[in-house]
Amino acid sequence: MFSLPGTLEGRSQVSPISSRAVFLSADEPEGAPGTSLAPGRRLEPVHVHGFEDTSVHLCLPAERGRELVELGWAEPHQFAELGTEFMVYGPRTEEELTVVLAIVEESLRFALGGSESDR
């Protein structure tokens, strides 16, 4: 996910040290509440939990996140405050990795102000 266009890898501002944040290389500010896992800090729409876990916390439009929960891909973030924070399960296969990367891309578009219809 760190090779996606316009992204940079960094240390998560809100998760354990083994977690890696996906930052936007444009150093975008938080555009709207619920688009960042680190409100009031550098825009952190996504972070991945360590190399052994590989689950991903990210922000998505609430309706889209609920769809992913219903489909079995995600669950609401345990510290969700705005209903836009979700945990996406770590991929086990190449096919699942493709799906998770597509969800990460949705999160990045959401952070940049894209709409749900952009998916």
PDB file of N, CA and C in Angstrom:
ATOM      1  N   MET A   1       0.814  -1.206   0.000  1.00  0.00           N
ATOM      2  CA  MET A   1       0.000   0.000   0.000  1.00  0.00           C
ATOM      3  C   MET A   1       0.851   1.261   0.000  1.00  0.00           C
ATOM      4  N   PHE A   2       2.113   1.115   0.417  1.00  0.00           N
ATOM      5  CA  PHE A   2       2.989   2.285   0.437  1.00  0.00           C
ATOM      6  C   PHE A   2       3.521   2.633  -0.950  1.00  0.00           C
ATOM      7  N   SER A   3       3.226   1.800  -1.926  1.00  0.00           N
ATOM      8  CA  SER A   3       3.629   2.121  -3.291  1.00  0.00           C
ATOM      9  C   SER A   3       2.471   2.736  -4.083  1.00  0.00           C
ATOM     10  N   LEU A   4       1.319   2.914  -3.431  1.00  0.00           N
ATOM     11  CA  LEU A   4       0.215   3.581  -4.122  1.00  0.00           C
ATOM     12  C   LEU A   4       0.612   5.012  -4.441  1.00  0.00           C
ATOM     13  N   PRO A   5       0.207   5.518  -5.585  1.00  0.00           N
ATOM     14  CA  PRO A   5       0.571   6.893  -5.959  1.00  0.00           C
ATOM     15  C   PRO A   5       0.128   7.908  -4.910  1.00  0.00           C
ATOM     16  N   GLY A   6       1.015   8.838  -4.620  1.00  0.00           N
ATOM     17  CA  GLY A   6       0.680   9.927  -3.712  1.00  0.00           C
ATOM     18  C   GLY A   6       0.736   9.578  -2.243  1.00  0.00           C
ATOM     19  N   THR A   7       1.376   8.450  -1.890  1.00  0.00           N
ATOM     20  CA  THR A   7       1.436   8.051  -0.485  1.00  0.00           C
ATOM     21  C   THR A   7       2.867   7.990   0.029  1.00  0.00           C
ATOM     22  N   LEU A   8       2.978   8.116   1.338  1.00  0.00           N
ATOM     23  CA  LEU A   8       4.255   7.976   2.035  1.00  0.00           C
ATOM     24  C   LEU A   8       4.040   7.092   3.248  1.00  0.00           C
ATOM     25  N   GLU A   9       5.038   6.313   3.592  1.00  0.00           N
ATOM     26  CA  GLU A   9       4.996   5.490   4.798  1.00  0.00           C
ATOM     27  C   GLU A   9       5.558   6.286   5.968  1.00  0.00           C
ATOM     28  N   GLY A  10       4.948   6.124   7.130  1.00  0.00           N
ATOM     29  CA  GLY A  10       5.444   6.787   8.323  1.00  0.00           C
ATOM     30  C   GLY A  10       4.971   6.085   9.570  1.00  0.00           C
ATOM     31  N   ARG A  11       5.409   6.564  10.703  1.00  0.00           N
ATOM     32  CA  ARG A  11       4.982   6.003  11.980  1.00  0.00           C
ATOM     33  C   ARG A  11       3.589   6.527  12.307  1.00  0.00           C
ATOM     34  N   SER A  12       2.697   5.630  12.678  1.00  0.00           N
ATOM     35  CA  SER A  12       1.351   6.040  13.036  1.00  0.00           C
ATOM     36  C   SER A  12       1.397   6.987  14.230  1.00  0.00           C
ATOM     37  N   GLN A  13       0.523   7.971  14.203  1.00  0.00           N
ATOM     38  CA  GLN A  13       0.437   8.947  15.286  1.00  0.00           C
ATOM     39  C   GLN A  13      -0.448   8.473  16.429  1.00  0.00           C
ATOM     40  N   VAL A  14      -1.183   7.368  16.204  1.00  0.00           N
ATOM     41  CA  VAL A  14      -2.179   6.943  17.189  1.00  0.00           C
ATOM     42  C   VAL A  14      -2.156   5.449  17.491  1.00  0.00           C
ATOM     43  N   SER A  15      -1.282   4.700  16.886  1.00  0.00           N
ATOM     44  CA  SER A  15      -1.249   3.259  17.041  1.00  0.00           C
ATOM     45  C   SER A  15       0.142   2.838  17.524  1.00  0.00           C
ATOM     46  N   PRO A  16       0.294   1.627  18.046  1.00  0.00           N
ATOM     47  CA  PRO A  16       1.611   1.187  18.537  1.00  0.00           C
ATOM     48  C   PRO A  16       2.725   1.366  17.511  1.00  0.00           C
ATOM     49  N   ILE A  17       3.930   1.421  17.990  1.00  0.00           N
ATOM     50  CA  ILE A  17       5.100   1.723  17.165  1.00  0.00           C
ATOM     51  C   ILE A  17       5.267   0.763  15.989  1.00  0.00           C
ATOM     52  N   SER A  18       4.780  -0.456  16.113  1.00  0.00           N
ATOM     53  CA  SER A  18       4.908  -1.415  15.011  1.00  0.00           C
ATOM     54  C   SER A  18       3.936  -1.114  13.869  1.00  0.00           C
ATOM     55  N   SER A  19       2.981  -0.227  14.099  1.00  0.00           N
ATOM     56  CA  SER A  19       2.016   0.138  13.059  1.00  0.00           C
ATOM     57  C   SER A  19       2.618   1.176  12.129  1.00  0.00           C
ATOM     58  N   ARG A  20       2.276   1.073  10.844  1.00  0.00           N
ATOM     59  CA  ARG A  20       2.800   2.007   9.856  1.00  0.00           C
ATOM     60  C   ARG A  20       1.649   2.781   9.229  1.00  0.00           C
ATOM     61  N   ALA A  21       1.778   4.089   9.218  1.00  0.00           N
ATOM     62  CA  ALA A  21       0.742   4.962   8.668  1.00  0.00           C
ATOM     63  C   ALA A  21       0.938   5.140   7.172  1.00  0.00           C
ATOM     64  N   VAL A  22      -0.182   5.307   6.493  1.00  0.00           N
ATOM     65  CA  VAL A  22      -0.174   5.717   5.096  1.00  0.00           C
ATOM     66  C   VAL A  22      -0.532   7.199   5.101  1.00  0.00           C
ATOM     67  N   PHE A  23       0.459   8.020   4.830  1.00  0.00           N
ATOM     68  CA  PHE A  23       0.245   9.465   4.727  1.00  0.00           C
ATOM     69  C   PHE A  23       0.149   9.839   3.263  1.00  0.00           C
ATOM     70  N   LEU A  24      -0.467  10.957   3.005  1.00  0.00           N
ATOM     71  CA  LEU A  24      -0.524  11.481   1.646  1.00  0.00           C
ATOM     72  C   LEU A  24       0.709  12.333   1.418  1.00  0.00           C
ATOM     73  N   SER A  25       1.414  12.110   0.319  1.00  0.00           N
ATOM     74  CA  SER A  25       2.676  12.807   0.078  1.00  0.00           C
ATOM     75  C   SER A  25       2.480  14.305  -0.084  1.00  0.00           C
ATOM     76  N   ALA A  26       1.280  14.723  -0.384  1.00  0.00           N
ATOM     77  CA  ALA A  26       1.010  16.153  -0.522  1.00  0.00           C
ATOM     78  C   ALA A  26       0.874  16.831   0.841  1.00  0.00           C
ATOM     79  N   ASP A  27       1.009  16.069   1.939  1.00  0.00           N
ATOM     80  CA  ASP A  27       0.894  16.593   3.301  1.00  0.00           C
ATOM     81  C   ASP A  27      -0.424  17.343   3.476  1.00  0.00           C
ATOM     82  N   GLU A  28      -1.475  16.729   2.979  1.00  0.00           N
ATOM     83  CA  GLU A  28      -2.809  17.319   3.040  1.00  0.00           C
ATOM     84  C   GLU A  28      -3.278  17.479   4.479  1.00  0.00           C
ATOM     85  N   PRO A  29      -3.937  18.585   4.790  1.00  0.00           N
ATOM     86  CA  PRO A  29      -4.559  18.718   6.105  1.00  0.00           C
ATOM     87  C   PRO A  29      -5.855  17.909   6.136  1.00  0.00           C
ATOM     88  N   GLU A  30      -6.329  17.637   7.331  1.00  0.00           N
ATOM     89  CA  GLU A  30      -7.600  16.935   7.471  1.00  0.00           C
ATOM     90  C   GLU A  30      -8.685  17.804   6.857  1.00  0.00           C
ATOM     91  N   GLY A  31      -9.362  17.275   5.831  1.00  0.00           N
ATOM     92  CA  GLY A  31     -10.355  18.061   5.115  1.00  0.00           C
ATOM     93  C   GLY A  31     -11.701  18.117   5.790  1.00  0.00           C
ATOM     94  N   ALA A  32     -12.078  17.053   6.458  1.00  0.00           N
ATOM     95  CA  ALA A  32     -13.377  16.986   7.121  1.00  0.00           C
ATOM     96  C   ALA A  32     -13.274  16.024   8.299  1.00  0.00           C
ATOM     97  N   PRO A  33     -14.054  16.264   9.335  1.00  0.00           N
ATOM     98  CA  PRO A  33     -14.048  15.325  10.455  1.00  0.00           C
ATOM     99  C   PRO A  33     -14.380  13.917   9.963  1.00  0.00           C
ATOM    100  N   GLY A  34     -13.698  12.949  10.528  1.00  0.00           N
ATOM    101  CA  GLY A  34     -13.964  11.564  10.177  1.00  0.00           C
ATOM    102  C   GLY A  34     -13.128  11.027   9.041  1.00  0.00           C
ATOM    103  N   THR A  35     -12.223  11.842   8.490  1.00  0.00           N
ATOM    104  CA  THR A  35     -11.375  11.378   7.388  1.00  0.00           C
ATOM    105  C   THR A  35      -9.983  10.964   7.842  1.00  0.00           C
ATOM    106  N   SER A  36      -9.690  11.151   9.138  1.00  0.00           N
ATOM    107  CA  SER A  36      -8.363  10.837   9.653  1.00  0.00           C
ATOM    108  C   SER A  36      -8.472  10.060  10.955  1.00  0.00           C
ATOM    109  N   LEU A  37      -7.563   9.113  11.142  1.00  0.00           N
ATOM    110  CA  LEU A  37      -7.483   8.362  12.388  1.00  0.00           C
ATOM    111  C   LEU A  37      -6.801   9.177  13.481  1.00  0.00           C
ATOM    112  N   ALA A  38      -6.200  10.304  13.102  1.00  0.00           N
ATOM    113  CA  ALA A  38      -5.496  11.181  14.040  1.00  0.00           C
ATOM    114  C   ALA A  38      -6.051  12.600  13.918  1.00  0.00           C
ATOM    115  N   PRO A  39      -7.288  12.813  14.350  1.00  0.00           N
ATOM    116  CA  PRO A  39      -7.904  14.144  14.199  1.00  0.00           C
ATOM    117  C   PRO A  39      -7.037  15.248  14.805  1.00  0.00           C
ATOM    118  N   GLY A  40      -6.936  16.356  14.080  1.00  0.00           N
ATOM    119  CA  GLY A  40      -6.172  17.501  14.547  1.00  0.00           C
ATOM    120  C   GLY A  40      -4.673  17.391  14.330  1.00  0.00           C
ATOM    121  N   ARG A  41      -4.228  16.296  13.743  1.00  0.00           N
ATOM    122  CA  ARG A  41      -2.807  16.106  13.440  1.00  0.00           C
ATOM    123  C   ARG A  41      -2.665  15.914  11.938  1.00  0.00           C
ATOM    124  N   ARG A  42      -1.493  15.467  11.532  1.00  0.00           N
ATOM    125  CA  ARG A  42      -1.277  15.178  10.110  1.00  0.00           C
ATOM    126  C   ARG A  42      -2.322  14.161   9.653  1.00  0.00           C
ATOM    127  N   LEU A  43      -2.852  14.349   8.462  1.00  0.00           N
ATOM    128  CA  LEU A  43      -3.887  13.479   7.916  1.00  0.00           C
ATOM    129  C   LEU A  43      -3.373  12.049   7.821  1.00  0.00           C
ATOM    130  N   GLU A  44      -4.007  11.157   8.602  1.00  0.00           N
ATOM    131  CA  GLU A  44      -3.647   9.730   8.629  1.00  0.00           C
ATOM    132  C   GLU A  44      -4.915   8.924   8.347  1.00  0.00           C
ATOM    133  N   PRO A  45      -5.261   8.762   7.065  1.00  0.00           N
ATOM    134  CA  PRO A  45      -6.493   8.047   6.749  1.00  0.00           C
ATOM    135  C   PRO A  45      -6.394   6.540   6.924  1.00  0.00           C
ATOM    136  N   VAL A  46      -5.162   6.009   6.974  1.00  0.00           N
ATOM    137  CA  VAL A  46      -4.952   4.558   7.015  1.00  0.00           C
ATOM    138  C   VAL A  46      -3.705   4.243   7.828  1.00  0.00           C
ATOM    139  N   HIS A  47      -3.767   3.159   8.611  1.00  0.00           N
ATOM    140  CA  HIS A  47      -2.537   2.567   9.131  1.00  0.00           C
ATOM    141  C   HIS A  47      -2.696   1.058   9.179  1.00  0.00           C
ATOM    142  N   VAL A  48      -1.567   0.378   9.018  1.00  0.00           N
ATOM    143  CA  VAL A  48      -1.539  -1.085   9.040  1.00  0.00           C
ATOM    144  C   VAL A  48      -0.842  -1.516  10.316  1.00  0.00           C
ATOM    145  N   HIS A  49      -1.352  -2.581  10.918  1.00  0.00           N
ATOM    146  CA  HIS A  49      -0.818  -3.077  12.189  1.00  0.00           C
ATOM    147  C   HIS A  49       0.259  -4.137  11.971  1.00  0.00           C
ATOM    148  N   GLY A  50       1.487  -3.774  12.212  1.00  0.00           N
ATOM    149  CA  GLY A  50       2.612  -4.690  12.218  1.00  0.00           C
ATOM    150  C   GLY A  50       2.679  -5.706  11.093  1.00  0.00           C
ATOM    151  N   PHE A  51       3.769  -6.426  11.054  1.00  0.00           N
ATOM    152  CA  PHE A  51       3.980  -7.406   9.990  1.00  0.00           C
ATOM    153  C   PHE A  51       3.301  -8.734  10.276  1.00  0.00           C
ATOM    154  N   GLU A  52       3.027  -9.020  11.531  1.00  0.00           N
ATOM    155  CA  GLU A  52       2.384 -10.286  11.870  1.00  0.00           C
ATOM    156  C   GLU A  52       0.869 -10.173  11.851  1.00  0.00           C
ATOM    157  N   ASP A  53       0.328  -9.007  12.152  1.00  0.00           N
ATOM    158  CA  ASP A  53      -1.118  -8.800  12.214  1.00  0.00           C
ATOM    159  C   ASP A  53      -1.665  -8.474  10.827  1.00  0.00           C
ATOM    160  N   THR A  54      -1.207  -7.411  10.248  1.00  0.00           N
ATOM    161  CA  THR A  54      -1.563  -6.884   8.918  1.00  0.00           C
ATOM    162  C   THR A  54      -3.010  -6.437   8.770  1.00  0.00           C
ATOM    163  N   SER A  55      -3.767  -6.341   9.874  1.00  0.00           N
ATOM    164  CA  SER A  55      -5.080  -5.713   9.742  1.00  0.00           C
ATOM    165  C   SER A  55      -4.858  -4.219   9.503  1.00  0.00           C
ATOM    166  N   VAL A  56      -5.869  -3.570   8.975  1.00  0.00           N
ATOM    167  CA  VAL A  56      -5.752  -2.173   8.578  1.00  0.00           C
ATOM    168  C   VAL A  56      -6.869  -1.369   9.227  1.00  0.00           C
ATOM    169  N   HIS A  57      -6.506  -0.277   9.890  1.00  0.00           N
ATOM    170  CA  HIS A  57      -7.505   0.676  10.353  1.00  0.00           C
ATOM    171  C   HIS A  57      -7.561   1.784   9.318  1.00  0.00           C
ATOM    172  N   LEU A  58      -8.780   2.200   8.983  1.00  0.00           N
ATOM    173  CA  LEU A  58      -8.926   3.262   7.990  1.00  0.00           C
ATOM    174  C   LEU A  58     -10.258   3.974   8.151  1.00  0.00           C
ATOM    175  N   CYS A  59     -10.368   5.090   7.459  1.00  0.00           N
ATOM    176  CA  CYS A  59     -11.595   5.880   7.464  1.00  0.00           C
ATOM    177  C   CYS A  59     -12.284   5.742   6.113  1.00  0.00           C
ATOM    178  N   LEU A  60     -13.595   5.564   6.178  1.00  0.00           N
ATOM    179  CA  LEU A  60     -14.440   5.458   4.985  1.00  0.00           C
ATOM    180  C   LEU A  60     -15.763   6.145   5.270  1.00  0.00           C
ATOM    181  N   PRO A  61     -16.502   6.510   4.235  1.00  0.00           N
ATOM    182  CA  PRO A  61     -17.856   6.980   4.492  1.00  0.00           C
ATOM    183  C   PRO A  61     -18.599   5.917   5.307  1.00  0.00           C
ATOM    184  N   ALA A  62     -19.385   6.356   6.280  1.00  0.00           N
ATOM    185  CA  ALA A  62     -20.048   5.423   7.200  1.00  0.00           C
ATOM    186  C   ALA A  62     -20.850   4.353   6.465  1.00  0.00           C
ATOM    187  N   GLU A  63     -21.579   4.737   5.440  1.00  0.00           N
ATOM    188  CA  GLU A  63     -22.393   3.763   4.708  1.00  0.00           C
ATOM    189  C   GLU A  63     -21.524   2.704   4.034  1.00  0.00           C
ATOM    190  N   ARG A  64     -20.425   3.123   3.444  1.00  0.00           N
ATOM    191  CA  ARG A  64     -19.526   2.169   2.784  1.00  0.00           C
ATOM    192  C   ARG A  64     -18.906   1.226   3.820  1.00  0.00           C
ATOM    193  N   GLY A  65     -18.519   1.772   4.961  1.00  0.00           N
ATOM    194  CA  GLY A  65     -17.969   0.923   6.010  1.00  0.00           C
ATOM    195  C   GLY A  65     -18.970  -0.122   6.477  1.00  0.00           C
ATOM    196  N   ARG A  66     -20.229   0.280   6.630  1.00  0.00           N
ATOM    197  CA  ARG A  66     -21.269  -0.675   7.026  1.00  0.00           C
ATOM    198  C   ARG A  66     -21.435  -1.770   5.969  1.00  0.00           C
ATOM    199  N   GLU A  67     -21.323  -1.402   4.688  1.00  0.00           N
ATOM    200  CA  GLU A  67     -21.392  -2.407   3.621  1.00  0.00           C
ATOM    201  C   GLU A  67     -20.276  -3.438   3.783  1.00  0.00           C
ATOM    202  N   LEU A  68     -19.068  -2.957   4.073  1.00  0.00           N
ATOM    203  CA  LEU A  68     -17.934  -3.862   4.227  1.00  0.00           C
ATOM    204  C   LEU A  68     -18.104  -4.763   5.452  1.00  0.00           C
ATOM    205  N   VAL A  69     -18.706  -4.220   6.512  1.00  0.00           N
ATOM    206  CA  VAL A  69     -19.000  -5.039   7.692  1.00  0.00           C
ATOM    207  C   VAL A  69     -19.982  -6.145   7.309  1.00  0.00           C
ATOM    208  N   GLU A  70     -21.039  -5.790   6.604  1.00  0.00           N
ATOM    209  CA  GLU A  70     -22.038  -6.772   6.182  1.00  0.00           C
ATOM    210  C   GLU A  70     -21.438  -7.839   5.261  1.00  0.00           C
ATOM    211  N   LEU A  71     -20.454  -7.447   4.458  1.00  0.00           N
ATOM    212  CA  LEU A  71     -19.810  -8.380   3.540  1.00  0.00           C
ATOM    213  C   LEU A  71     -18.731  -9.229   4.210  1.00  0.00           C
ATOM    214  N   GLY A  72     -18.430  -8.931   5.479  1.00  0.00           N
ATOM    215  CA  GLY A  72     -17.444  -9.715   6.211  1.00  0.00           C
ATOM    216  C   GLY A  72     -16.006  -9.267   6.038  1.00  0.00           C
ATOM    217  N   TRP A  73     -15.789  -8.088   5.472  1.00  0.00           N
ATOM    218  CA  TRP A  73     -14.432  -7.582   5.249  1.00  0.00           C
ATOM    219  C   TRP A  73     -13.928  -6.709   6.389  1.00  0.00           C
ATOM    220  N   ALA A  74     -14.836  -6.196   7.216  1.00  0.00           N
ATOM    221  CA  ALA A  74     -14.447  -5.195   8.205  1.00  0.00           C
ATOM    222  C   ALA A  74     -15.315  -5.286   9.445  1.00  0.00           C
ATOM    223  N   GLU A  75     -14.904  -4.510  10.447  1.00  0.00           N
ATOM    224  CA  GLU A  75     -15.726  -4.296  11.636  1.00  0.00           C
ATOM    225  C   GLU A  75     -15.501  -2.851  12.077  1.00  0.00           C
ATOM    226  N   PRO A  76     -16.456  -2.291  12.818  1.00  0.00           N
ATOM    227  CA  PRO A  76     -16.256  -0.920  13.289  1.00  0.00           C
ATOM    228  C   PRO A  76     -15.004  -0.845  14.175  1.00  0.00           C
ATOM    229  N   HIS A  77     -14.263   0.226  14.050  1.00  0.00           N
ATOM    230  CA  HIS A  77     -13.069   0.461  14.863  1.00  0.00           C
ATOM    231  C   HIS A  77     -13.486   0.508  16.328  1.00  0.00           C
ATOM    232  N   GLN A  78     -12.713  -0.115  17.201  1.00  0.00           N
ATOM    233  CA  GLN A  78     -13.082  -0.162  18.615  1.00  0.00           C
ATOM    234  C   GLN A  78     -13.113   1.205  19.283  1.00  0.00           C
ATOM    235  N   PHE A  79     -12.423   2.186  18.728  1.00  0.00           N
ATOM    236  CA  PHE A  79     -12.430   3.535  19.294  1.00  0.00           C
ATOM    237  C   PHE A  79     -13.137   4.527  18.368  1.00  0.00           C
ATOM    238  N   ALA A  80     -14.034   4.036  17.546  1.00  0.00           N
ATOM    239  CA  ALA A  80     -14.729   4.895  16.589  1.00  0.00           C
ATOM    240  C   ALA A  80     -15.500   5.993  17.314  1.00  0.00           C
ATOM    241  N   GLU A  81     -15.324   7.211  16.840  1.00  0.00           N
ATOM    242  CA  GLU A  81     -16.036   8.350  17.406  1.00  0.00           C
ATOM    243  C   GLU A  81     -17.041   8.932  16.418  1.00  0.00           C
ATOM    244  N   LEU A  82     -16.753   8.826  15.138  1.00  0.00           N
ATOM    245  CA  LEU A  82     -17.597   9.472  14.138  1.00  0.00           C
ATOM    246  C   LEU A  82     -18.298   8.487  13.212  1.00  0.00           C
ATOM    247  N   GLY A  83     -18.094   7.204  13.439  1.00  0.00           N
ATOM    248  CA  GLY A  83     -18.736   6.197  12.599  1.00  0.00           C
ATOM    249  C   GLY A  83     -18.076   5.997  11.256  1.00  0.00           C
ATOM    250  N   THR A  84     -16.902   6.580  11.065  1.00  0.00           N
ATOM    251  CA  THR A  84     -16.190   6.448   9.791  1.00  0.00           C
ATOM    252  C   THR A  84     -14.916   5.617   9.933  1.00  0.00           C
ATOM    253  N   GLU A  85     -14.631   5.150  11.141  1.00  0.00           N
ATOM    254  CA  GLU A  85     -13.404   4.417  11.406  1.00  0.00           C
ATOM    255  C   GLU A  85     -13.700   2.917  11.427  1.00  0.00           C
ATOM    256  N   PHE A  86     -12.932   2.166  10.625  1.00  0.00           N
ATOM    257  CA  PHE A  86     -13.165   0.725  10.492  1.00  0.00           C
ATOM    258  C   PHE A  86     -11.849  -0.036  10.534  1.00  0.00           C
ATOM    259  N   MET A  87     -11.946  -1.298  10.933  1.00  0.00           N
ATOM    260  CA  MET A  87     -10.816  -2.215  10.900  1.00  0.00           C
ATOM    261  C   MET A  87     -11.105  -3.217   9.786  1.00  0.00           C
ATOM    262  N   VAL A  88     -10.197  -3.305   8.835  1.00  0.00           N
ATOM    263  CA  VAL A  88     -10.307  -4.256   7.728  1.00  0.00           C
ATOM    264  C   VAL A  88      -9.345  -5.401   8.027  1.00  0.00           C
ATOM    265  N   TYR A  89      -9.850  -6.608   7.917  1.00  0.00           N
ATOM    266  CA  TYR A  89      -9.057  -7.791   8.248  1.00  0.00           C
ATOM    267  C   TYR A  89      -7.847  -7.919   7.333  1.00  0.00           C
ATOM    268  N   GLY A  90      -6.754  -8.444   7.878  1.00  0.00           N
ATOM    269  CA  GLY A  90      -5.533  -8.660   7.105  1.00  0.00           C
ATOM    270  C   GLY A  90      -5.760  -9.696   6.017  1.00  0.00           C
ATOM    271  N   PRO A  91      -5.243  -9.442   4.831  1.00  0.00           N
ATOM    272  CA  PRO A  91      -5.423 -10.389   3.725  1.00  0.00           C
ATOM    273  C   PRO A  91      -4.630 -11.670   3.943  1.00  0.00           C
ATOM    274  N   ARG A  92      -5.206 -12.789   3.466  1.00  0.00           N
ATOM    275  CA  ARG A  92      -4.545 -14.095   3.580  1.00  0.00           C
ATOM    276  C   ARG A  92      -4.085 -14.627   2.236  1.00  0.00           C
ATOM    277  N   THR A  93      -4.624 -14.074   1.154  1.00  0.00           N
ATOM    278  CA  THR A  93      -4.295 -14.545  -0.184  1.00  0.00           C
ATOM    279  C   THR A  93      -4.032 -13.335  -1.080  1.00  0.00           C
ATOM    280  N   GLU A  94      -3.490 -13.598  -2.252  1.00  0.00           N
ATOM    281  CA  GLU A  94      -3.270 -12.518  -3.222  1.00  0.00           C
ATOM    282  C   GLU A  94      -4.594 -11.859  -3.618  1.00  0.00           C
ATOM    283  N   GLU A  95      -5.637 -12.669  -3.765  1.00  0.00           N
ATOM    284  CA  GLU A  95      -6.955 -12.127  -4.127  1.00  0.00           C
ATOM    285  C   GLU A  95      -7.472 -11.189  -3.031  1.00  0.00           C
ATOM    286  N   GLU A  96      -7.341 -11.601  -1.775  1.00  0.00           N
ATOM    287  CA  GLU A  96      -7.774 -10.745  -0.673  1.00  0.00           C
ATOM    288  C   GLU A  96      -6.916  -9.485  -0.593  1.00  0.00           C
ATOM    289  N   LEU A  97      -5.627  -9.598  -0.887  1.00  0.00           N
ATOM    290  CA  LEU A  97      -4.755  -8.428  -0.888  1.00  0.00           C
ATOM    291  C   LEU A  97      -5.238  -7.409  -1.910  1.00  0.00           C
ATOM    292  N   THR A  98      -5.660  -7.867  -3.071  1.00  0.00           N
ATOM    293  CA  THR A  98      -6.183  -6.971  -4.098  1.00  0.00           C
ATOM    294  C   THR A  98      -7.407  -6.221  -3.592  1.00  0.00           C
ATOM    295  N   VAL A  99      -8.289  -6.921  -2.891  1.00  0.00           N
ATOM    296  CA  VAL A  99      -9.501  -6.287  -2.343  1.00  0.00           C
ATOM    297  C   VAL A  99      -9.122  -5.270  -1.271  1.00  0.00           C
ATOM    298  N   VAL A 100      -8.232  -5.649  -0.352  1.00  0.00           N
ATOM    299  CA  VAL A 100      -7.834  -4.738   0.725  1.00  0.00           C
ATOM    300  C   VAL A 100      -7.173  -3.487   0.151  1.00  0.00           C
ATOM    301  N   LEU A 101      -6.329  -3.639  -0.850  1.00  0.00           N
ATOM    302  CA  LEU A 101      -5.705  -2.461  -1.474  1.00  0.00           C
ATOM    303  C   LEU A 101      -6.747  -1.555  -2.120  1.00  0.00           C
ATOM    304  N   ALA A 102      -7.772  -2.128  -2.710  1.00  0.00           N
ATOM    305  CA  ALA A 102      -8.847  -1.317  -3.294  1.00  0.00           C
ATOM    306  C   ALA A 102      -9.596  -0.549  -2.205  1.00  0.00           C
ATOM    307  N   ILE A 103      -9.785  -1.174  -1.051  1.00  0.00           N
ATOM    308  CA  ILE A 103     -10.447  -0.495   0.069  1.00  0.00           C
ATOM    309  C   ILE A 103      -9.565   0.637   0.590  1.00  0.00           C
ATOM    310  N   VAL A 104      -8.262   0.403   0.664  1.00  0.00           N
ATOM    311  CA  VAL A 104      -7.327   1.455   1.082  1.00  0.00           C
ATOM    312  C   VAL A 104      -7.410   2.634   0.111  1.00  0.00           C
ATOM    313  N   GLU A 105      -7.467   2.350  -1.177  1.00  0.00           N
ATOM    314  CA  GLU A 105      -7.582   3.428  -2.166  1.00  0.00           C
ATOM    315  C   GLU A 105      -8.880   4.214  -1.971  1.00  0.00           C
ATOM    316  N   GLU A 106      -9.959   3.532  -1.632  1.00  0.00           N
ATOM    317  CA  GLU A 106     -11.219   4.223  -1.320  1.00  0.00           C
ATOM    318  C   GLU A 106     -11.025   5.168  -0.141  1.00  0.00           C
ATOM    319  N   SER A 107     -10.319   4.706   0.879  1.00  0.00           N
ATOM    320  CA  SER A 107     -10.079   5.527   2.054  1.00  0.00           C
ATOM    321  C   SER A 107      -9.271   6.774   1.702  1.00  0.00           C
ATOM    322  N   LEU A 108      -8.268   6.612   0.860  1.00  0.00           N
ATOM    323  CA  LEU A 108      -7.455   7.761   0.454  1.00  0.00           C
ATOM    324  C   LEU A 108      -8.288   8.769  -0.326  1.00  0.00           C
ATOM    325  N   ARG A 109      -9.155   8.294  -1.213  1.00  0.00           N
ATOM    326  CA  ARG A 109     -10.041   9.209  -1.954  1.00  0.00           C
ATOM    327  C   ARG A 109     -10.989   9.928  -0.993  1.00  0.00           C
ATOM    328  N   PHE A 110     -11.508   9.198  -0.017  1.00  0.00           N
ATOM    329  CA  PHE A 110     -12.407   9.796   0.984  1.00  0.00           C
ATOM    330  C   PHE A 110     -11.668  10.892   1.754  1.00  0.00           C
ATOM    331  N   ALA A 111     -10.423  10.624   2.119  1.00  0.00           N
ATOM    332  CA  ALA A 111      -9.626  11.614   2.860  1.00  0.00           C
ATOM    333  C   ALA A 111      -9.397  12.871   2.039  1.00  0.00           C
ATOM    334  N   LEU A 112      -9.319  12.714   0.740  1.00  0.00           N
ATOM    335  CA  LEU A 112      -9.080  13.853  -0.148  1.00  0.00           C
ATOM    336  C   LEU A 112     -10.376  14.535  -0.590  1.00  0.00           C
ATOM    337  N   GLY A 113     -11.486  14.085  -0.037  1.00  0.00           N
ATOM    338  CA  GLY A 113     -12.752  14.737  -0.360  1.00  0.00           C
ATOM    339  C   GLY A 113     -13.534  14.060  -1.457  1.00  0.00           C
ATOM    340  N   GLY A 114     -13.104  12.869  -1.891  1.00  0.00           N
ATOM    341  CA  GLY A 114     -13.854  12.145  -2.902  1.00  0.00           C
ATOM    342  C   GLY A 114     -15.160  11.614  -2.349  1.00  0.00           C
ATOM    343  N   SER A 115     -16.082  11.358  -3.216  1.00  0.00           N
ATOM    344  CA  SER A 115     -17.391  10.869  -2.786  1.00  0.00           C
ATOM    345  C   SER A 115     -17.441   9.353  -2.875  1.00  0.00           C
ATOM    346  N   GLU A 116     -18.510   8.785  -2.311  1.00  0.00           N
ATOM    347  CA  GLU A 116     -18.699   7.348  -2.345  1.00  0.00           C
ATOM    348  C   GLU A 116     -18.851   6.868  -3.790  1.00  0.00           C
ATOM    349  N   SER A 117     -19.331   7.724  -4.672  1.00  0.00           N
ATOM    350  CA  SER A 117     -19.519   7.299  -6.055  1.00  0.00           C
ATOM    351  C   SER A 117     -18.210   7.158  -6.807  1.00  0.00           C
ATOM    352  N   ASP A 118     -17.102   7.566  -6.183  1.00  0.00           N
ATOM    353  CA  ASP A 118     -15.787   7.432  -6.822  1.00  0.00           C
ATOM    354  C   ASP A 118     -15.246   6.016  -6.775  1.00  0.00           C
ATOM    355  N   ARG A 119     -15.904   5.104  -6.053  1.00  0.00           N
ATOM    356  CA  ARG A 119     -15.342   3.766  -5.921  1.00  0.00           C
ATOM    357  C   ARG A 119     -15.520   2.942  -7.143  1.00  0.00           C
TER     358      ARG A 119
END
